[in-house]
């Protein structure tokens, strides 16, 4: 594991992690049981940060300036201090440690993640094998559709 796991202390409640909130980082943080400061940059990172803050109760988000999304050094310091020194931060760290336990259960041989992955591989193994286009090229007529022949006369009286 990477940086988030080095922030965790045995027994929980000890560390925090500043992250952009990409999905790999989110998974790492949950498995490590570490609360975080979410600093999203683009794509799904904003949604992940909101989910971690509002639904999971594991994060504090930095306030970004309207317009350009700039985050000041003072804001980073404020959120890190809140995470590490406030009662709210302690609660987030405790909740994060509890989520670590749930993640560990899900990864056991009989856990929900292991079962879901097993089910997915069973479904995939039953799918028909894809045709190799180099051995079985598609017929030219099966791809081309003459739209004009299907819509000619439509709307005319």
C-alpha atoms as a PDB file:
ATOM      1  CA  UNK A   1       0.000   0.000   0.000  1.00  0.00           C
ATOM      2  CA  UNK A   2       1.110   3.553  -0.496  1.00  0.00           C
ATOM      3  CA  UNK A   3       1.024   6.868   1.335  1.00  0.00           C
ATOM      4  CA  UNK A   4      -2.371   6.533   3.003  1.00  0.00           C
ATOM      5  CA  UNK A   5      -1.359   3.349   4.797  1.00  0.00           C
ATOM      6  CA  UNK A   6       1.678   5.076   6.270  1.00  0.00           C
ATOM      7  CA  UNK A   7      -0.699   7.616   7.874  1.00  0.00           C
ATOM      8  CA  UNK A   8      -2.648   4.940   9.736  1.00  0.00           C
ATOM      9  CA  UNK A   9      -1.760   4.069  13.292  1.00  0.00           C
ATOM     10  CA  UNK A  10      -2.705   0.782  14.868  1.00  0.00           C
ATOM     11  CA  UNK A  11      -5.976   1.240  16.707  1.00  0.00           C
ATOM     12  CA  UNK A  12      -7.111   4.094  14.494  1.00  0.00           C
ATOM     13  CA  UNK A  13      -7.564   7.764  14.922  1.00  0.00           C
ATOM     14  CA  UNK A  14      -3.972   8.714  14.270  1.00  0.00           C
ATOM     15  CA  UNK A  15      -3.527   9.947  10.755  1.00  0.00           C
ATOM     16  CA  UNK A  16      -4.852  11.973   7.913  1.00  0.00           C
ATOM     17  CA  UNK A  17      -4.185  12.162   4.202  1.00  0.00           C
ATOM     18  CA  UNK A  18      -4.531  14.998   1.669  1.00  0.00           C
ATOM     19  CA  UNK A  19      -5.725  13.620  -1.666  1.00  0.00           C
ATOM     20  CA  UNK A  20      -7.239  14.715  -4.970  1.00  0.00           C
ATOM     21  CA  UNK A  21      -9.856  12.012  -4.459  1.00  0.00           C
ATOM     22  CA  UNK A  22      -9.260   9.809  -7.479  1.00  0.00           C
ATOM     23  CA  UNK A  23     -10.851   6.394  -7.081  1.00  0.00           C
ATOM     24  CA  UNK A  24      -7.575   4.542  -6.419  1.00  0.00           C
ATOM     25  CA  UNK A  25      -6.747   7.014  -3.651  1.00  0.00           C
ATOM     26  CA  UNK A  26     -10.248   6.646  -2.221  1.00  0.00           C
ATOM     27  CA  UNK A  27      -9.904   2.863  -2.088  1.00  0.00           C
ATOM     28  CA  UNK A  28      -6.471   3.139  -0.503  1.00  0.00           C
ATOM     29  CA  UNK A  29      -7.765   5.546   2.145  1.00  0.00           C
ATOM     30  CA  UNK A  30     -10.751   3.328   3.018  1.00  0.00           C
ATOM     31  CA  UNK A  31      -8.637   0.168   3.268  1.00  0.00           C
ATOM     32  CA  UNK A  32      -6.039   1.993   5.380  1.00  0.00           C
ATOM     33  CA  UNK A  33      -8.674   3.511   7.669  1.00  0.00           C
ATOM     34  CA  UNK A  34      -7.388   7.039   7.252  1.00  0.00           C
ATOM     35  CA  UNK A  35      -9.480  10.218   7.279  1.00  0.00           C
ATOM     36  CA  UNK A  36      -8.712  12.679   4.536  1.00  0.00           C
ATOM     37  CA  UNK A  37      -8.707  16.203   3.274  1.00  0.00           C
ATOM     38  CA  UNK A  38     -10.284  16.130  -0.170  1.00  0.00           C
ATOM     39  CA  UNK A  39      -8.739  18.449  -2.756  1.00  0.00           C
ATOM     40  CA  UNK A  40     -10.357  17.472  -6.063  1.00  0.00           C
ATOM     41  CA  UNK A  41      -8.938  18.678  -9.346  1.00  0.00           C
ATOM     42  CA  UNK A  42     -11.202  17.295 -12.106  1.00  0.00           C
ATOM     43  CA  UNK A  43     -13.461  14.515 -13.375  1.00  0.00           C
ATOM     44  CA  UNK A  44     -15.056  12.272 -10.747  1.00  0.00           C
ATOM     45  CA  UNK A  45     -12.849  13.600  -7.961  1.00  0.00           C
ATOM     46  CA  UNK A  46     -15.437  16.210  -6.910  1.00  0.00           C
ATOM     47  CA  UNK A  47     -18.133  13.541  -6.683  1.00  0.00           C
ATOM     48  CA  UNK A  48     -15.812  11.232  -4.704  1.00  0.00           C
ATOM     49  CA  UNK A  49     -14.952  14.030  -2.268  1.00  0.00           C
ATOM     50  CA  UNK A  50     -18.632  14.817  -1.734  1.00  0.00           C
ATOM     51  CA  UNK A  51     -19.430  11.139  -1.191  1.00  0.00           C
ATOM     52  CA  UNK A  52     -16.612  10.783   1.341  1.00  0.00           C
ATOM     53  CA  UNK A  53     -17.735  13.930   3.172  1.00  0.00           C
ATOM     54  CA  UNK A  54     -21.512  13.607   3.106  1.00  0.00           C
ATOM     55  CA  UNK A  55     -22.238   9.888   2.892  1.00  0.00           C
ATOM     56  CA  UNK A  56     -19.274   8.175   4.496  1.00  0.00           C
ATOM     57  CA  UNK A  57     -18.207  10.829   6.992  1.00  0.00           C
ATOM     58  CA  UNK A  58     -14.491  10.313   6.332  1.00  0.00           C
ATOM     59  CA  UNK A  59     -13.369  13.615   4.823  1.00  0.00           C
ATOM     60  CA  UNK A  60     -13.093  17.360   5.061  1.00  0.00           C
ATOM     61  CA  UNK A  61     -13.045  19.248   1.782  1.00  0.00           C
ATOM     62  CA  UNK A  62     -10.887  22.241   1.002  1.00  0.00           C
ATOM     63  CA  UNK A  63     -12.692  25.407  -0.046  1.00  0.00           C
ATOM     64  CA  UNK A  64     -11.764  26.301  -3.594  1.00  0.00           C
ATOM     65  CA  UNK A  65     -11.951  29.846  -4.905  1.00  0.00           C
ATOM     66  CA  UNK A  66     -14.842  30.460  -7.280  1.00  0.00           C
ATOM     67  CA  UNK A  67     -13.820  30.835 -10.877  1.00  0.00           C
ATOM     68  CA  UNK A  68     -10.411  29.204 -10.969  1.00  0.00           C
ATOM     69  CA  UNK A  69     -10.592  26.610  -8.168  1.00  0.00           C
ATOM     70  CA  UNK A  70      -7.443  27.959  -6.481  1.00  0.00           C
ATOM     71  CA  UNK A  71      -6.794  26.717  -2.930  1.00  0.00           C
ATOM     72  CA  UNK A  72      -4.680  28.902  -0.647  1.00  0.00           C
ATOM     73  CA  UNK A  73      -2.003  27.621   1.683  1.00  0.00           C
ATOM     74  CA  UNK A  74      -4.008  29.007   4.588  1.00  0.00           C
ATOM     75  CA  UNK A  75      -6.988  26.894   3.513  1.00  0.00           C
ATOM     76  CA  UNK A  76      -4.873  23.738   3.336  1.00  0.00           C
ATOM     77  CA  UNK A  77      -3.501  24.479   6.807  1.00  0.00           C
ATOM     78  CA  UNK A  78      -7.017  25.136   8.144  1.00  0.00           C
ATOM     79  CA  UNK A  79      -8.419  21.841   6.873  1.00  0.00           C
ATOM     80  CA  UNK A  80      -5.422  19.779   8.007  1.00  0.00           C
ATOM     81  CA  UNK A  81      -5.641  21.343  11.485  1.00  0.00           C
ATOM     82  CA  UNK A  82      -9.381  20.684  11.573  1.00  0.00           C
ATOM     83  CA  UNK A  83      -8.786  17.048  10.649  1.00  0.00           C
ATOM     84  CA  UNK A  84      -5.985  16.538  13.167  1.00  0.00           C
ATOM     85  CA  UNK A  85      -6.912  18.804  16.091  1.00  0.00           C
ATOM     86  CA  UNK A  86     -10.694  19.265  16.262  1.00  0.00           C
ATOM     87  CA  UNK A  87     -13.442  17.111  17.733  1.00  0.00           C
ATOM     88  CA  UNK A  88     -14.962  16.830  14.265  1.00  0.00           C
ATOM     89  CA  UNK A  89     -11.626  15.597  12.931  1.00  0.00           C
ATOM     90  CA  UNK A  90     -11.396  12.999  15.708  1.00  0.00           C
ATOM     91  CA  UNK A  91     -14.872  11.751  14.768  1.00  0.00           C
ATOM     92  CA  UNK A  92     -13.855  11.500  11.102  1.00  0.00           C
ATOM     93  CA  UNK A  93     -10.712   9.553  12.019  1.00  0.00           C
ATOM     94  CA  UNK A  94     -12.724   7.146  14.176  1.00  0.00           C
ATOM     95  CA  UNK A  95     -15.302   6.639  11.411  1.00  0.00           C
ATOM     96  CA  UNK A  96     -12.472   6.024   8.935  1.00  0.00           C
ATOM     97  CA  UNK A  97     -10.985   3.354  11.174  1.00  0.00           C
ATOM     98  CA  UNK A  98     -14.397   1.668  11.422  1.00  0.00           C
ATOM     99  CA  UNK A  99     -14.655   1.710   7.606  1.00  0.00           C
ATOM    100  CA  UNK A 100     -11.262   0.006   7.476  1.00  0.00           C
ATOM    101  CA  UNK A 101     -12.739  -2.899   9.433  1.00  0.00           C
ATOM    102  CA  UNK A 102     -15.666  -3.138   7.003  1.00  0.00           C
ATOM    103  CA  UNK A 103     -13.296  -3.069   4.028  1.00  0.00           C
ATOM    104  CA  UNK A 104     -11.234  -5.877   5.585  1.00  0.00           C
ATOM    105  CA  UNK A 105     -14.401  -7.964   6.030  1.00  0.00           C
ATOM    106  CA  UNK A 106     -15.391  -7.368   2.386  1.00  0.00           C
ATOM    107  CA  UNK A 107     -11.995  -8.637   1.215  1.00  0.00           C
ATOM    108  CA  UNK A 108     -12.158 -11.925   3.169  1.00  0.00           C
ATOM    109  CA  UNK A 109     -12.745 -15.171   1.244  1.00  0.00           C
ATOM    110  CA  UNK A 110     -16.450 -15.001   2.141  1.00  0.00           C
ATOM    111  CA  UNK A 111     -16.663 -11.191   1.964  1.00  0.00           C
ATOM    112  CA  UNK A 112     -18.941  -9.197  -0.299  1.00  0.00           C
ATOM    113  CA  UNK A 113     -16.164  -7.949  -2.615  1.00  0.00           C
ATOM    114  CA  UNK A 114     -14.749 -11.433  -3.100  1.00  0.00           C
ATOM    115  CA  UNK A 115     -18.224 -12.864  -3.758  1.00  0.00           C
ATOM    116  CA  UNK A 116     -19.070 -10.074  -6.225  1.00  0.00           C
ATOM    117  CA  UNK A 117     -15.824 -10.585  -8.146  1.00  0.00           C
ATOM    118  CA  UNK A 118     -16.418 -14.352  -8.246  1.00  0.00           C
ATOM    119  CA  UNK A 119     -19.947 -13.785  -9.577  1.00  0.00           C
ATOM    120  CA  UNK A 120     -18.643 -11.402 -12.246  1.00  0.00           C
ATOM    121  CA  UNK A 121     -16.043 -13.892 -13.451  1.00  0.00           C
ATOM    122  CA  UNK A 122     -18.719 -16.609 -13.625  1.00  0.00           C
ATOM    123  CA  UNK A 123     -20.930 -14.359 -15.743  1.00  0.00           C
ATOM    124  CA  UNK A 124     -18.038 -13.468 -18.047  1.00  0.00           C
ATOM    125  CA  UNK A 125     -17.042 -17.106 -18.440  1.00  0.00           C
ATOM    126  CA  UNK A 126     -20.560 -17.895 -19.782  1.00  0.00           C
ATOM    127  CA  UNK A 127     -20.473 -15.161 -22.433  1.00  0.00           C
ATOM    128  CA  UNK A 128     -19.911 -16.198 -26.038  1.00  0.00           C
ATOM    129  CA  UNK A 129     -16.351 -15.855 -27.156  1.00  0.00           C
ATOM    130  CA  UNK A 130     -15.786 -12.766 -29.337  1.00  0.00           C
ATOM    131  CA  UNK A 131     -15.134 -13.326 -33.003  1.00  0.00           C
ATOM    132  CA  UNK A 132     -11.654 -12.556 -34.190  1.00  0.00           C
ATOM    133  CA  UNK A 133     -12.154  -9.960 -36.961  1.00  0.00           C
ATOM    134  CA  UNK A 134      -8.920 -11.018 -38.665  1.00  0.00           C
ATOM    135  CA  UNK A 135     -10.205 -14.574 -39.075  1.00  0.00           C
ATOM    136  CA  UNK A 136     -13.906 -13.745 -39.536  1.00  0.00           C
ATOM    137  CA  UNK A 137     -14.161 -10.255 -41.078  1.00  0.00           C
ATOM    138  CA  UNK A 138     -17.609  -8.687 -40.806  1.00  0.00           C
ATOM    139  CA  UNK A 139     -19.646  -8.501 -43.991  1.00  0.00           C
ATOM    140  CA  UNK A 140     -19.589  -5.049 -45.540  1.00  0.00           C
ATOM    141  CA  UNK A 141     -23.381  -5.041 -45.960  1.00  0.00           C
ATOM    142  CA  UNK A 142     -24.016  -5.859 -42.297  1.00  0.00           C
ATOM    143  CA  UNK A 143     -22.432  -2.588 -41.168  1.00  0.00           C
ATOM    144  CA  UNK A 144     -23.584  -0.173 -43.844  1.00  0.00           C
ATOM    145  CA  UNK A 145     -27.203   0.901 -43.593  1.00  0.00           C
ATOM    146  CA  UNK A 146     -28.735   2.963 -46.336  1.00  0.00           C
ATOM    147  CA  UNK A 147     -30.717   5.448 -44.259  1.00  0.00           C
ATOM    148  CA  UNK A 148     -32.278   7.054 -47.343  1.00  0.00           C
ATOM    149  CA  UNK A 149     -34.024   3.831 -48.340  1.00  0.00           C
ATOM    150  CA  UNK A 150     -35.631   3.589 -44.888  1.00  0.00           C
ATOM    151  CA  UNK A 151     -36.845   7.174 -44.670  1.00  0.00           C
ATOM    152  CA  UNK A 152     -37.800   7.907 -48.262  1.00  0.00           C
ATOM    153  CA  UNK A 153     -41.365   9.032 -48.539  1.00  0.00           C
ATOM    154  CA  UNK A 154     -41.657   9.827 -44.835  1.00  0.00           C
ATOM    155  CA  UNK A 155     -43.657  13.012 -44.347  1.00  0.00           C
ATOM    156  CA  UNK A 156     -44.668  13.275 -47.999  1.00  0.00           C
ATOM    157  CA  UNK A 157     -48.325  13.180 -48.960  1.00  0.00           C
END
